[in-house]
Amino acid sequence: MNHVVTLQDAITAFADFMEPTSAELDAIEREMPVILADVELLDAHIATIDRTPTELDSRRIRRARRKALAARVALLNRTAAAGAPGGAA
């Protein structure tokens, strides 16, 4: 006989009081350009999974890769600038 009590931990693990904090939401908001650029890169790769990439597909992948890298660099620069004393980068 299985007890329902073991299921209680799984249910309460996602209770209403376990919402993300403001700091966590701010971190997600700061990282959103990187997340969206990575999604775009994944979309470009997924589009070519079942077929040979055309020249247009290759350009789309390269463009998405450059955009993802640029978003990561921008995030790192913002993080470094925020952590520098006196606000200097």
PDB file of N, CA and C in Angstrom:
ATOM      1  N   MET A   1       0.834  -1.185   0.000  1.00  0.00           N
ATOM      2  CA  MET A   1       0.000   0.000   0.000  1.00  0.00           C
ATOM      3  C   MET A   1       0.880   1.251   0.000  1.00  0.00           C
ATOM      4  N   ASN A   2       0.643   2.134  -0.931  1.00  0.00           N
ATOM      5  CA  ASN A   2       1.400   3.387  -1.008  1.00  0.00           C
ATOM      6  C   ASN A   2       0.715   4.454  -0.173  1.00  0.00           C
ATOM      7  N   HIS A   3       1.544   5.239   0.496  1.00  0.00           N
ATOM      8  CA  HIS A   3       0.999   6.316   1.321  1.00  0.00           C
ATOM      9  C   HIS A   3       1.020   7.621   0.538  1.00  0.00           C
ATOM     10  N   VAL A   4       0.025   8.426   0.727  1.00  0.00           N
ATOM     11  CA  VAL A   4      -0.078   9.717   0.055  1.00  0.00           C
ATOM     12  C   VAL A   4       0.879  10.729   0.684  1.00  0.00           C
ATOM     13  N   VAL A   5       1.342  10.455   1.880  1.00  0.00           N
ATOM     14  CA  VAL A   5       2.218  11.377   2.596  1.00  0.00           C
ATOM     15  C   VAL A   5       3.499  11.641   1.796  1.00  0.00           C
ATOM     16  N   THR A   6       4.040  10.656   1.115  1.00  0.00           N
ATOM     17  CA  THR A   6       5.264  10.868   0.343  1.00  0.00           C
ATOM     18  C   THR A   6       5.034  11.837  -0.816  1.00  0.00           C
ATOM     19  N   LEU A   7       3.828  11.929  -1.269  1.00  0.00           N
ATOM     20  CA  LEU A   7       3.501  12.847  -2.352  1.00  0.00           C
ATOM     21  C   LEU A   7       3.393  14.280  -1.865  1.00  0.00           C
ATOM     22  N   GLN A   8       3.195  14.482  -0.577  1.00  0.00           N
ATOM     23  CA  GLN A   8       3.009  15.817  -0.019  1.00  0.00           C
ATOM     24  C   GLN A   8       4.229  16.704  -0.260  1.00  0.00           C
ATOM     25  N   ASP A   9       5.437  16.160  -0.122  1.00  0.00           N
ATOM     26  CA  ASP A   9       6.634  16.969  -0.344  1.00  0.00           C
ATOM     27  C   ASP A   9       6.697  17.489  -1.774  1.00  0.00           C
ATOM     28  N   ALA A  10       6.336  16.673  -2.730  1.00  0.00           N
ATOM     29  CA  ALA A  10       6.353  17.101  -4.128  1.00  0.00           C
ATOM     30  C   ALA A  10       5.308  18.175  -4.389  1.00  0.00           C
ATOM     31  N   ILE A  11       4.199  18.093  -3.722  1.00  0.00           N
ATOM     32  CA  ILE A  11       3.136  19.079  -3.924  1.00  0.00           C
ATOM     33  C   ILE A  11       3.498  20.404  -3.279  1.00  0.00           C
ATOM     34  N   THR A  12       4.014  20.384  -2.050  1.00  0.00           N
ATOM     35  CA  THR A  12       4.323  21.633  -1.356  1.00  0.00           C
ATOM     36  C   THR A  12       5.618  22.264  -1.842  1.00  0.00           C
ATOM     37  N   ALA A  13       6.403  21.530  -2.633  1.00  0.00           N
ATOM     38  CA  ALA A  13       7.640  22.120  -3.151  1.00  0.00           C
ATOM     39  C   ALA A  13       7.356  23.292  -4.074  1.00  0.00           C
ATOM     40  N   PHE A  14       6.159  23.356  -4.630  1.00  0.00           N
ATOM     41  CA  PHE A  14       5.803  24.444  -5.538  1.00  0.00           C
ATOM     42  C   PHE A  14       4.653  25.260  -4.968  1.00  0.00           C
ATOM     43  N   ALA A  15       4.675  25.479  -3.679  1.00  0.00           N
ATOM     44  CA  ALA A  15       3.617  26.232  -3.018  1.00  0.00           C
ATOM     45  C   ALA A  15       3.712  27.712  -3.402  1.00  0.00           C
ATOM     46  N   ASP A  16       2.637  28.444  -3.148  1.00  0.00           N
ATOM     47  CA  ASP A  16       2.561  29.858  -3.530  1.00  0.00           C
ATOM     48  C   ASP A  16       3.621  30.713  -2.854  1.00  0.00           C
ATOM     49  N   PHE A  17       4.011  30.360  -1.646  1.00  0.00           N
ATOM     50  CA  PHE A  17       4.964  31.187  -0.917  1.00  0.00           C
ATOM     51  C   PHE A  17       6.387  31.055  -1.455  1.00  0.00           C
ATOM     52  N   MET A  18       6.607  30.208  -2.425  1.00  0.00           N
ATOM     53  CA  MET A  18       7.944  30.004  -2.969  1.00  0.00           C
ATOM     54  C   MET A  18       8.127  30.746  -4.299  1.00  0.00           C
ATOM     55  N   GLU A  19       7.592  31.925  -4.388  1.00  0.00           N
ATOM     56  CA  GLU A  19       7.727  32.755  -5.582  1.00  0.00           C
ATOM     57  C   GLU A  19       9.149  33.294  -5.672  1.00  0.00           C
ATOM     58  N   PRO A  20       9.612  33.643  -6.872  1.00  0.00           N
ATOM     59  CA  PRO A  20      10.953  34.229  -6.989  1.00  0.00           C
ATOM     60  C   PRO A  20      11.006  35.593  -6.312  1.00  0.00           C
ATOM     61  N   THR A  21      12.164  35.901  -5.778  1.00  0.00           N
ATOM     62  CA  THR A  21      12.337  37.185  -5.112  1.00  0.00           C
ATOM     63  C   THR A  21      12.522  38.284  -6.158  1.00  0.00           C
ATOM     64  N   SER A  22      12.479  39.505  -5.703  1.00  0.00           N
ATOM     65  CA  SER A  22      12.686  40.641  -6.609  1.00  0.00           C
ATOM     66  C   SER A  22      14.087  40.608  -7.208  1.00  0.00           C
ATOM     67  N   ALA A  23      15.068  40.200  -6.427  1.00  0.00           N
ATOM     68  CA  ALA A  23      16.436  40.119  -6.935  1.00  0.00           C
ATOM     69  C   ALA A  23      16.544  39.060  -8.028  1.00  0.00           C
ATOM     70  N   GLU A  24      15.876  37.940  -7.849  1.00  0.00           N
ATOM     71  CA  GLU A  24      15.901  36.894  -8.866  1.00  0.00           C
ATOM     72  C   GLU A  24      15.212  37.351 -10.143  1.00  0.00           C
ATOM     73  N   LEU A  25      14.095  38.043 -10.007  1.00  0.00           N
ATOM     74  CA  LEU A  25      13.392  38.563 -11.182  1.00  0.00           C
ATOM     75  C   LEU A  25      14.231  39.616 -11.902  1.00  0.00           C
ATOM     76  N   ASP A  26      14.947  40.444 -11.136  1.00  0.00           N
ATOM     77  CA  ASP A  26      15.829  41.443 -11.746  1.00  0.00           C
ATOM     78  C   ASP A  26      16.964  40.770 -12.507  1.00  0.00           C
ATOM     79  N   ALA A  27      17.507  39.691 -11.942  1.00  0.00           N
ATOM     80  CA  ALA A  27      18.587  38.966 -12.615  1.00  0.00           C
ATOM     81  C   ALA A  27      18.084  38.354 -13.925  1.00  0.00           C
ATOM     82  N   ILE A  28      16.889  37.803 -13.905  1.00  0.00           N
ATOM     83  CA  ILE A  28      16.302  37.238 -15.123  1.00  0.00           C
ATOM     84  C   ILE A  28      16.090  38.338 -16.160  1.00  0.00           C
ATOM     85  N   GLU A  29      15.615  39.482 -15.715  1.00  0.00           N
ATOM     86  CA  GLU A  29      15.380  40.608 -16.626  1.00  0.00           C
ATOM     87  C   GLU A  29      16.690  41.081 -17.260  1.00  0.00           C
ATOM     88  N   ARG A  30      17.776  41.119 -16.466  1.00  0.00           N
ATOM     89  CA  ARG A  30      19.081  41.523 -17.006  1.00  0.00           C
ATOM     90  C   ARG A  30      19.591  40.518 -18.023  1.00  0.00           C
ATOM     91  N   GLU A  31      19.313  39.247 -17.801  1.00  0.00           N
ATOM     92  CA  GLU A  31      19.805  38.190 -18.684  1.00  0.00           C
ATOM     93  C   GLU A  31      18.866  37.898 -19.861  1.00  0.00           C
ATOM     94  N   MET A  32      17.726  38.545 -19.933  1.00  0.00           N
ATOM     95  CA  MET A  32      16.746  38.255 -20.970  1.00  0.00           C
ATOM     96  C   MET A  32      17.293  38.426 -22.398  1.00  0.00           C
ATOM     97  N   PRO A  33      18.097  39.450 -22.721  1.00  0.00           N
ATOM     98  CA  PRO A  33      18.645  39.519 -24.083  1.00  0.00           C
ATOM     99  C   PRO A  33      19.498  38.301 -24.440  1.00  0.00           C
ATOM    100  N   VAL A  34      20.253  37.788 -23.478  1.00  0.00           N
ATOM    101  CA  VAL A  34      21.063  36.591 -23.720  1.00  0.00           C
ATOM    102  C   VAL A  34      20.166  35.380 -23.939  1.00  0.00           C
ATOM    103  N   ILE A  35      19.143  35.264 -23.131  1.00  0.00           N
ATOM    104  CA  ILE A  35      18.207  34.144 -23.245  1.00  0.00           C
ATOM    105  C   ILE A  35      17.523  34.163 -24.607  1.00  0.00           C
ATOM    106  N   LEU A  36      17.041  35.326 -25.021  1.00  0.00           N
ATOM    107  CA  LEU A  36      16.354  35.428 -26.305  1.00  0.00           C
ATOM    108  C   LEU A  36      17.298  35.161 -27.476  1.00  0.00           C
ATOM    109  N   ALA A  37      18.544  35.624 -27.364  1.00  0.00           N
ATOM    110  CA  ALA A  37      19.517  35.364 -28.430  1.00  0.00           C
ATOM    111  C   ALA A  37      19.843  33.872 -28.506  1.00  0.00           C
ATOM    112  N   ASP A  38      19.931  33.210 -27.364  1.00  0.00           N
ATOM    113  CA  ASP A  38      20.180  31.771 -27.356  1.00  0.00           C
ATOM    114  C   ASP A  38      19.002  31.006 -27.945  1.00  0.00           C
ATOM    115  N   VAL A  39      17.798  31.458 -27.665  1.00  0.00           N
ATOM    116  CA  VAL A  39      16.610  30.820 -28.246  1.00  0.00           C
ATOM    117  C   VAL A  39      16.620  30.974 -29.761  1.00  0.00           C
ATOM    118  N   GLU A  40      16.995  32.137 -30.237  1.00  0.00           N
ATOM    119  CA  GLU A  40      17.077  32.369 -31.686  1.00  0.00           C
ATOM    120  C   GLU A  40      18.119  31.455 -32.331  1.00  0.00           C
ATOM    121  N   LEU A  41      19.257  31.274 -31.649  1.00  0.00           N
ATOM    122  CA  LEU A  41      20.291  30.374 -32.154  1.00  0.00           C
ATOM    123  C   LEU A  41      19.800  28.923 -32.168  1.00  0.00           C
ATOM    124  N   LEU A  42      19.115  28.525 -31.131  1.00  0.00           N
ATOM    125  CA  LEU A  42      18.548  27.171 -31.107  1.00  0.00           C
ATOM    126  C   LEU A  42      17.525  26.978 -32.209  1.00  0.00           C
ATOM    127  N   ASP A  43      16.693  27.989 -32.431  1.00  0.00           N
ATOM    128  CA  ASP A  43      15.708  27.900 -33.522  1.00  0.00           C
ATOM    129  C   ASP A  43      16.396  27.716 -34.870  1.00  0.00           C
ATOM    130  N   ALA A  44      17.487  28.429 -35.071  1.00  0.00           N
ATOM    131  CA  ALA A  44      18.213  28.306 -36.338  1.00  0.00           C
ATOM    132  C   ALA A  44      18.793  26.900 -36.500  1.00  0.00           C
ATOM    133  N   HIS A  45      19.312  26.353 -35.416  1.00  0.00           N
ATOM    134  CA  HIS A  45      19.853  24.992 -35.478  1.00  0.00           C
ATOM    135  C   HIS A  45      18.747  23.955 -35.652  1.00  0.00           C
ATOM    136  N   ILE A  46      17.645  24.133 -34.955  1.00  0.00           N
ATOM    137  CA  ILE A  46      16.534  23.177 -35.042  1.00  0.00           C
ATOM    138  C   ILE A  46      15.958  23.134 -36.450  1.00  0.00           C
ATOM    139  N   ALA A  47      15.943  24.272 -37.111  1.00  0.00           N
ATOM    140  CA  ALA A  47      15.392  24.328 -38.466  1.00  0.00           C
ATOM    141  C   ALA A  47      16.188  23.479 -39.446  1.00  0.00           C
ATOM    142  N   THR A  48      17.441  23.196 -39.110  1.00  0.00           N
ATOM    143  CA  THR A  48      18.291  22.445 -40.035  1.00  0.00           C
ATOM    144  C   THR A  48      18.589  21.030 -39.557  1.00  0.00           C
ATOM    145  N   ILE A  49      17.886  20.556 -38.568  1.00  0.00           N
ATOM    146  CA  ILE A  49      18.172  19.221 -38.027  1.00  0.00           C
ATOM    147  C   ILE A  49      17.911  18.127 -39.055  1.00  0.00           C
ATOM    148  N   ASP A  50      16.801  18.192 -39.738  1.00  0.00           N
ATOM    149  CA  ASP A  50      16.400  17.088 -40.618  1.00  0.00           C
ATOM    150  C   ASP A  50      16.735  17.319 -42.090  1.00  0.00           C
ATOM    151  N   ARG A  51      17.560  18.312 -42.366  1.00  0.00           N
ATOM    152  CA  ARG A  51      17.923  18.557 -43.758  1.00  0.00           C
ATOM    153  C   ARG A  51      19.302  19.189 -43.816  1.00  0.00           C
ATOM    154  N   THR A  52      19.869  19.182 -44.974  1.00  0.00           N
ATOM    155  CA  THR A  52      21.167  19.818 -45.173  1.00  0.00           C
ATOM    156  C   THR A  52      20.973  21.336 -45.180  1.00  0.00           C
ATOM    157  N   PRO A  53      21.751  22.054 -44.381  1.00  0.00           N
ATOM    158  CA  PRO A  53      21.583  23.512 -44.346  1.00  0.00           C
ATOM    159  C   PRO A  53      21.921  24.159 -45.684  1.00  0.00           C
ATOM    160  N   THR A  54      21.081  25.076 -46.101  1.00  0.00           N
ATOM    161  CA  THR A  54      21.344  25.848 -47.301  1.00  0.00           C
ATOM    162  C   THR A  54      22.255  27.016 -46.940  1.00  0.00           C
ATOM    163  N   GLU A  55      22.646  27.789 -47.926  1.00  0.00           N
ATOM    164  CA  GLU A  55      23.465  28.965 -47.663  1.00  0.00           C
ATOM    165  C   GLU A  55      22.707  29.952 -46.774  1.00  0.00           C
ATOM    166  N   LEU A  56      21.420  30.091 -47.017  1.00  0.00           N
ATOM    167  CA  LEU A  56      20.598  30.977 -46.192  1.00  0.00           C
ATOM    168  C   LEU A  56      20.542  30.484 -44.746  1.00  0.00           C
ATOM    169  N   ASP A  57      20.418  29.166 -44.557  1.00  0.00           N
ATOM    170  CA  ASP A  57      20.418  28.597 -43.208  1.00  0.00           C
ATOM    171  C   ASP A  57      21.749  28.862 -42.515  1.00  0.00           C
ATOM    172  N   SER A  58      22.826  28.697 -43.253  1.00  0.00           N
ATOM    173  CA  SER A  58      24.156  28.923 -42.679  1.00  0.00           C
ATOM    174  C   SER A  58      24.326  30.376 -42.251  1.00  0.00           C
ATOM    175  N   ARG A  59      23.847  31.287 -43.067  1.00  0.00           N
ATOM    176  CA  ARG A  59      23.916  32.707 -42.706  1.00  0.00           C
ATOM    177  C   ARG A  59      23.062  32.997 -41.480  1.00  0.00           C
ATOM    178  N   ARG A  60      21.885  32.372 -41.413  1.00  0.00           N
ATOM    179  CA  ARG A  60      21.005  32.578 -40.255  1.00  0.00           C
ATOM    180  C   ARG A  60      21.668  32.067 -38.975  1.00  0.00           C
ATOM    181  N   ILE A  61      22.328  30.919 -39.060  1.00  0.00           N
ATOM    182  CA  ILE A  61      23.021  30.370 -37.889  1.00  0.00           C
ATOM    183  C   ILE A  61      24.178  31.274 -37.484  1.00  0.00           C
ATOM    184  N   ARG A  62      24.974  31.719 -38.461  1.00  0.00           N
ATOM    185  CA  ARG A  62      26.097  32.610 -38.145  1.00  0.00           C
ATOM    186  C   ARG A  62      25.610  33.914 -37.522  1.00  0.00           C
ATOM    187  N   ARG A  63      24.539  34.472 -38.080  1.00  0.00           N
ATOM    188  CA  ARG A  63      23.980  35.723 -37.548  1.00  0.00           C
ATOM    189  C   ARG A  63      23.483  35.524 -36.115  1.00  0.00           C
ATOM    190  N   ALA A  64      22.805  34.414 -35.880  1.00  0.00           N
ATOM    191  CA  ALA A  64      22.286  34.129 -34.541  1.00  0.00           C
ATOM    192  C   ALA A  64      23.428  33.885 -33.557  1.00  0.00           C
ATOM    193  N   ARG A  65      24.488  33.213 -34.007  1.00  0.00           N
ATOM    194  CA  ARG A  65      25.640  32.976 -33.135  1.00  0.00           C
ATOM    195  C   ARG A  65      26.315  34.293 -32.771  1.00  0.00           C
ATOM    196  N   ARG A  66      26.490  35.176 -33.751  1.00  0.00           N
ATOM    197  CA  ARG A  66      27.094  36.494 -33.460  1.00  0.00           C
ATOM    198  C   ARG A  66      26.222  37.296 -32.507  1.00  0.00           C
ATOM    199  N   LYS A  67      24.901  37.225 -32.707  1.00  0.00           N
ATOM    200  CA  LYS A  67      23.987  37.954 -31.832  1.00  0.00           C
ATOM    201  C   LYS A  67      24.056  37.414 -30.408  1.00  0.00           C
ATOM    202  N   ALA A  68      24.141  36.092 -30.252  1.00  0.00           N
ATOM    203  CA  ALA A  68      24.230  35.485 -28.921  1.00  0.00           C
ATOM    204  C   ALA A  68      25.535  35.892 -28.233  1.00  0.00           C
ATOM    205  N   LEU A  69      26.630  35.869 -28.987  1.00  0.00           N
ATOM    206  CA  LEU A  69      27.906  36.270 -28.402  1.00  0.00           C
ATOM    207  C   LEU A  69      27.900  37.751 -28.022  1.00  0.00           C
ATOM    208  N   ALA A  70      27.316  38.581 -28.869  1.00  0.00           N
ATOM    209  CA  ALA A  70      27.246  40.018 -28.567  1.00  0.00           C
ATOM    210  C   ALA A  70      26.389  40.273 -27.331  1.00  0.00           C
ATOM    211  N   ALA A  71      25.314  39.529 -27.182  1.00  0.00           N
ATOM    212  CA  ALA A  71      24.461  39.687 -25.998  1.00  0.00           C
ATOM    213  C   ALA A  71      25.206  39.277 -24.738  1.00  0.00           C
ATOM    214  N   ARG A  72      26.008  38.215 -24.825  1.00  0.00           N
ATOM    215  CA  ARG A  72      26.799  37.784 -23.667  1.00  0.00           C
ATOM    216  C   ARG A  72      27.865  38.828 -23.314  1.00  0.00           C
ATOM    217  N   VAL A  73      28.516  39.383 -24.322  1.00  0.00           N
ATOM    218  CA  VAL A  73      29.528  40.412 -24.073  1.00  0.00           C
ATOM    219  C   VAL A  73      28.883  41.640 -23.444  1.00  0.00           C
ATOM    220  N   ALA A  74      27.729  42.049 -23.948  1.00  0.00           N
ATOM    221  CA  ALA A  74      27.037  43.211 -23.385  1.00  0.00           C
ATOM    222  C   ALA A  74      26.649  42.965 -21.933  1.00  0.00           C
ATOM    223  N   LEU A  75      26.187  41.752 -21.627  1.00  0.00           N
ATOM    224  CA  LEU A  75      25.827  41.426 -20.245  1.00  0.00           C
ATOM    225  C   LEU A  75      27.060  41.476 -19.357  1.00  0.00           C
ATOM    226  N   LEU A  76      28.159  40.911 -19.815  1.00  0.00           N
ATOM    227  CA  LEU A  76      29.391  40.946 -19.025  1.00  0.00           C
ATOM    228  C   LEU A  76      29.889  42.372 -18.822  1.00  0.00           C
ATOM    229  N   ASN A  77      29.789  43.192 -19.850  1.00  0.00           N
ATOM    230  CA  ASN A  77      30.214  44.587 -19.719  1.00  0.00           C
ATOM    231  C   ASN A  77      29.341  45.340 -18.728  1.00  0.00           C
ATOM    232  N   ARG A  78      28.031  45.106 -18.779  1.00  0.00           N
ATOM    233  CA  ARG A  78      27.129  45.756 -17.811  1.00  0.00           C
ATOM    234  C   ARG A  78      27.433  45.287 -16.395  1.00  0.00           C
ATOM    235  N   THR A  79      27.699  43.993 -16.240  1.00  0.00           N
ATOM    236  CA  THR A  79      28.000  43.451 -14.924  1.00  0.00           C
ATOM    237  C   THR A  79      29.311  44.014 -14.400  1.00  0.00           C
ATOM    238  N   ALA A  80      30.311  44.106 -15.262  1.00  0.00           N
ATOM    239  CA  ALA A  80      31.610  44.653 -14.851  1.00  0.00           C
ATOM    240  C   ALA A  80      31.483  46.137 -14.506  1.00  0.00           C
ATOM    241  N   ALA A  81      30.701  46.870 -15.287  1.00  0.00           N
ATOM    242  CA  ALA A  81      30.536  48.301 -15.032  1.00  0.00           C
ATOM    243  C   ALA A  81      29.786  48.533 -13.717  1.00  0.00           C
ATOM    244  N   ALA A  82      28.829  47.674 -13.409  1.00  0.00           N
ATOM    245  CA  ALA A  82      28.067  47.831 -12.168  1.00  0.00           C
ATOM    246  C   ALA A  82      28.912  47.472 -10.963  1.00  0.00           C
ATOM    247  N   GLY A  83      29.872  46.557 -11.154  1.00  0.00           N
ATOM    248  CA  GLY A  83      30.710  46.143 -10.038  1.00  0.00           C
ATOM    249  C   GLY A  83      31.949  46.986  -9.833  1.00  0.00           C
ATOM    250  N   ALA A  84      32.259  47.853 -10.790  1.00  0.00           N
ATOM    251  CA  ALA A  84      33.457  48.680 -10.687  1.00  0.00           C
ATOM    252  C   ALA A  84      33.225  49.797  -9.680  1.00  0.00           C
ATOM    253  N   PRO A  85      34.235  50.114  -8.877  1.00  0.00           N
ATOM    254  CA  PRO A  85      34.069  51.198  -7.920  1.00  0.00           C
ATOM    255  C   PRO A  85      33.922  52.548  -8.624  1.00  0.00           C
ATOM    256  N   GLY A  86      32.994  53.334  -8.181  1.00  0.00           N
ATOM    257  CA  GLY A  86      32.769  54.650  -8.764  1.00  0.00           C
ATOM    258  C   GLY A  86      32.016  54.610 -10.069  1.00  0.00           C
ATOM    259  N   GLY A  87      31.568  53.435 -10.491  1.00  0.00           N
ATOM    260  CA  GLY A  87      30.795  53.308 -11.713  1.00  0.00           C
ATOM    261  C   GLY A  87      31.638  53.339 -12.972  1.00  0.00           C
ATOM    262  N   ALA A  88      32.964  53.351 -12.826  1.00  0.00           N
ATOM    263  CA  ALA A  88      33.826  53.372 -14.015  1.00  0.00           C
ATOM    264  C   ALA A  88      33.971  51.971 -14.562  1.00  0.00           C
ATOM    265  N   ALA A  89      34.054  51.870 -15.869  1.00  0.00           N
ATOM    266  CA  ALA A  89      34.196  50.551 -16.498  1.00  0.00           C
ATOM    267  C   ALA A  89      35.641  50.228 -16.724  1.00  0.00           C
TER     268      ALA A  89
END
